[in-house]
Protein backbone atom coordinates (compact mmCIF):
# COMPACT_ATOMS: atom_id res chain seq x y z
CA UNK A 1 122.92 95.93 116.68
CA UNK A 2 121.92 94.01 118.06
CA UNK A 3 118.59 93.58 119.86
CA UNK A 4 119.78 93.76 123.61
CA UNK A 5 121.87 96.99 122.63
CA UNK A 6 118.86 98.29 120.49
CA UNK A 7 116.90 97.85 123.68
CA UNK A 8 118.85 98.94 126.16
CA UNK A 9 119.17 102.39 123.97
CA UNK A 10 115.71 102.24 124.12
CA UNK A 11 115.66 102.27 127.85
CA UNK A 12 118.67 104.19 128.39
CA UNK A 13 118.03 107.15 126.29
CA UNK A 14 114.17 106.91 125.99
CA UNK A 15 112.79 105.90 129.40
CA UNK A 16 111.24 102.41 127.48
CA UNK A 17 111.89 100.66 130.50
CA UNK A 18 109.86 97.93 129.30
CA UNK A 19 111.55 97.57 126.17
CA UNK A 20 113.34 94.06 126.06
CA UNK A 21 115.31 91.98 123.09
CA UNK A 22 112.38 90.25 122.38
CA UNK A 23 110.33 93.76 122.14
CA UNK A 24 113.30 94.14 119.15
CA UNK A 25 113.13 90.49 117.91
CA UNK A 26 108.83 90.98 117.61
CA UNK A 27 108.87 93.84 115.53
CA UNK A 28 111.96 92.15 113.69
CA UNK A 29 109.80 89.72 113.15
CA UNK A 30 106.62 91.06 112.07
CA UNK A 31 104.87 89.32 114.94
CA UNK A 32 103.85 92.79 117.07
CA UNK A 33 104.37 96.28 116.29
CA UNK A 34 105.48 99.31 117.64
CA UNK A 35 103.45 102.20 118.85
CA UNK A 36 104.02 105.65 117.79
CA UNK A 37 105.66 107.06 120.52
CA UNK A 38 108.28 103.30 120.96
CA UNK A 39 108.35 103.42 117.02
CA UNK A 40 110.23 107.16 117.45
CA UNK A 41 111.76 106.00 120.74
CA UNK A 42 113.34 103.14 117.82
CA UNK A 43 114.76 105.66 114.88
CA UNK A 44 116.18 107.58 117.24
CA UNK A 45 118.52 105.08 118.76
CA UNK A 46 119.23 103.54 114.82
CA UNK A 47 118.97 107.05 113.99
CA UNK A 48 117.25 106.67 110.79
CA UNK A 49 113.84 108.58 109.93
CA UNK A 50 110.36 106.36 111.35
CA UNK A 51 109.54 105.99 107.63
CA UNK A 52 112.78 103.73 107.07
CA UNK A 53 111.67 101.26 109.41
CA UNK A 54 108.22 100.73 108.59
CA UNK A 55 109.10 100.75 104.52
CA UNK A 56 105.96 102.36 102.84
CA UNK A 57 103.00 103.14 104.77
CA UNK A 58 99.41 101.46 104.10
CA UNK A 59 96.67 102.16 106.83
CA UNK A 60 96.50 105.03 108.21
CA UNK A 61 97.58 104.95 111.52
CA UNK A 62 101.23 104.43 109.20
CA UNK A 63 101.22 107.17 107.65
CA UNK A 64 100.65 108.91 110.96
CA UNK A 65 103.22 107.33 112.94
CA UNK A 66 105.46 107.90 109.60
CA UNK A 67 105.35 111.97 109.68
CA UNK A 68 105.82 111.58 113.81
CA UNK A 69 102.78 113.20 114.60
CA UNK A 70 100.75 111.69 117.18
CA UNK A 71 97.04 110.80 116.93
CA UNK A 72 95.63 114.32 118.57
CA UNK A 73 97.63 115.97 116.49
CA UNK A 74 95.90 114.69 113.44
CA UNK A 75 92.51 114.73 115.30
CA UNK A 76 92.78 118.66 115.90
CA UNK A 77 93.88 119.21 112.25
CA UNK A 78 91.61 117.24 110.72
CA UNK A 79 88.72 118.68 113.11
CA UNK A 80 88.07 115.69 114.03
CA UNK A 81 87.17 113.83 117.99
CA UNK A 82 90.00 112.52 119.32
CA UNK A 83 87.31 109.06 120.52
CA UNK A 84 86.47 109.58 117.15
CA UNK A 85 89.15 109.59 114.91
CA UNK A 86 90.89 106.72 117.13
CA UNK A 87 87.46 104.59 116.20
CA UNK A 88 88.38 105.16 112.57
CA UNK A 89 92.62 103.99 113.17
CA UNK A 90 91.66 100.71 114.82
CA UNK A 91 89.09 100.04 112.11
CA UNK A 92 90.63 100.99 109.61
CA UNK A 93 87.50 102.70 107.62
CA UNK A 94 88.05 106.94 107.40
CA UNK A 95 84.57 108.43 107.84
CA UNK A 96 85.53 111.86 108.08
CA UNK A 97 83.93 114.25 105.25
CA UNK A 98 85.77 115.93 102.46
CA UNK A 99 87.23 118.96 104.34
CA UNK A 100 88.46 116.89 107.52
CA UNK A 101 89.67 114.13 104.24
CA UNK A 102 92.15 116.92 102.56
CA UNK A 103 92.94 118.45 106.13
CA UNK A 104 94.58 114.84 106.19
CA UNK A 105 95.94 114.37 103.00
CA UNK A 106 97.79 117.76 103.77
CA UNK A 107 98.79 117.10 107.39
CA UNK A 108 99.94 113.30 106.82
CA UNK A 109 101.73 114.79 103.23
CA UNK A 110 99.84 111.61 101.57
CA UNK A 111 100.65 111.39 97.70
CA UNK A 112 97.38 111.50 95.65
CA UNK A 113 97.45 107.21 95.14
CA UNK A 114 97.29 106.63 99.27
CA UNK A 115 95.00 109.01 100.07
CA UNK A 116 92.73 107.56 98.08
CA UNK A 117 92.54 104.18 99.61
CA UNK A 118 92.93 105.82 102.44
CA UNK A 119 90.11 108.23 102.50
CA UNK A 120 88.20 104.44 101.13
CA UNK A 121 87.24 107.01 97.15
CA UNK A 122 89.20 103.81 95.37
CA UNK A 123 85.63 102.78 94.38
CA UNK A 124 84.34 106.24 93.33
CA UNK A 125 88.48 106.39 91.23
CA UNK A 126 87.18 103.34 89.18
CA UNK A 127 83.59 104.07 88.81
CA UNK A 128 84.74 107.97 86.83
CA UNK A 129 87.98 106.06 85.29
CA UNK A 130 85.29 102.62 84.15
CA UNK A 131 82.75 105.22 82.29
CA UNK A 132 86.03 107.24 81.22
CA UNK A 133 87.78 104.86 79.03
CA UNK A 134 84.52 103.38 78.09
CA UNK A 135 82.66 107.07 76.92
CA UNK A 136 84.69 110.15 76.37
CA UNK A 137 87.53 111.03 78.75
CA UNK A 138 87.49 114.54 78.04
CA UNK A 139 84.23 114.89 80.11
CA UNK A 140 85.87 113.05 82.97
CA UNK A 141 88.87 115.37 84.11
CA UNK A 142 86.91 117.44 85.86
CA UNK A 143 85.54 115.25 88.25
CA UNK A 144 88.83 112.72 88.59
CA UNK A 145 91.00 116.14 89.06
CA UNK A 146 89.07 116.88 91.55
CA UNK A 147 88.51 113.28 93.70
CA UNK A 148 92.73 112.72 93.20
CA UNK A 149 93.62 116.40 93.36
CA UNK A 150 96.21 116.53 90.38
CA UNK A 151 96.24 118.49 87.73
CA UNK A 152 94.12 118.67 84.73
CA UNK A 153 96.62 118.51 82.51
CA UNK A 154 98.68 116.10 83.77
CA UNK A 155 95.44 113.42 83.00
CA UNK A 156 94.95 113.69 79.80
CA UNK A 157 97.88 111.59 78.39
CA UNK A 158 97.02 108.83 80.86
CA UNK A 159 92.84 108.81 80.36
CA UNK A 160 93.77 108.89 76.69
CA UNK A 161 96.10 105.88 76.68
CA UNK A 162 93.97 103.69 78.51
CA UNK A 163 90.79 104.62 76.26
CA UNK A 164 92.52 104.13 73.09
CA UNK A 165 93.88 100.51 75.53
CA UNK A 166 90.20 99.49 76.07
CA UNK A 167 88.60 100.46 73.39
CA UNK A 168 91.20 98.37 71.03
CA UNK A 169 90.34 95.44 73.12
CA UNK A 170 87.05 95.64 72.82
CA UNK A 171 87.11 96.28 69.44
CA UNK A 172 89.28 93.20 68.70
CA UNK A 173 87.37 90.46 71.54
CA UNK A 174 84.26 91.55 69.03
CA UNK A 175 85.40 90.95 66.06
CA UNK A 176 86.38 87.54 68.05
CA UNK A 177 84.03 84.50 66.61
CA UNK A 178 83.52 83.94 70.12
CA UNK A 179 82.17 87.96 69.89
CA UNK A 180 80.17 88.84 73.28
CA UNK A 181 81.69 86.60 75.83
CA UNK A 182 85.61 87.26 75.00
CA UNK A 183 84.19 91.05 75.23
CA UNK A 184 82.72 90.94 78.08
CA UNK A 185 85.29 88.47 80.00
CA UNK A 186 88.48 90.91 78.64
CA UNK A 187 86.32 93.92 79.74
CA UNK A 188 85.94 92.66 82.59
CA UNK A 189 89.24 91.60 83.51
CA UNK A 190 90.74 95.28 82.30
CA UNK A 191 87.97 97.47 84.33
CA UNK A 192 89.16 95.04 87.52
CA UNK A 193 92.23 96.73 87.05
CA UNK A 194 91.87 100.30 86.09
CA UNK A 195 92.62 101.68 89.36
CA UNK A 196 96.25 100.20 89.15
CA UNK A 197 97.00 100.64 85.31
CA UNK A 198 95.59 104.19 85.98
CA UNK A 199 98.36 105.00 89.10
CA UNK A 200 100.54 102.96 86.22
CA UNK A 201 100.70 105.65 83.93
CA UNK A 202 100.26 108.81 86.23
CA UNK A 203 103.64 110.97 86.58
CA UNK A 204 104.99 111.34 89.21
């Protein structure tokens, strides 16, 4: 559909009198983004779900819009004052407690990876994973399971695989002539990407 046709559909069918073809063109280029009401109207005109227009949501706001929820609904559902919730969307920093974070995940149907990223728990996950591969991974299954809300049985194979990979890497680098310097560099690189490595191994 041409930009003019889309804009006309939003105006005629959804009461978006302010929408012009320039709006549609700007959204298409990524120079601007529709708000939640505009996105709902746009998806209505294009006969698709909002998530199909947005691609994979990344931010808290994008996840909310993809679910077709208002900020008021999410604030109420998580037990947060609306102004506090809106501030979190604007700053991109989730500041809810554990109970509110759990409610957020359920409301927005967040996959574990997105839930961890949005609620700012990636550093904690990285710490637990680093300890798991460098000591005994079995001792960290419970904490990781609780953090990401995934059954412990699903964690056993990924953690065991990462543990063996990391230990083999360390053993190989320690045997080189350069010794601890190489080991430190290789270990640092592994740990820097440990969260991505973990998600790549976790079953869908």
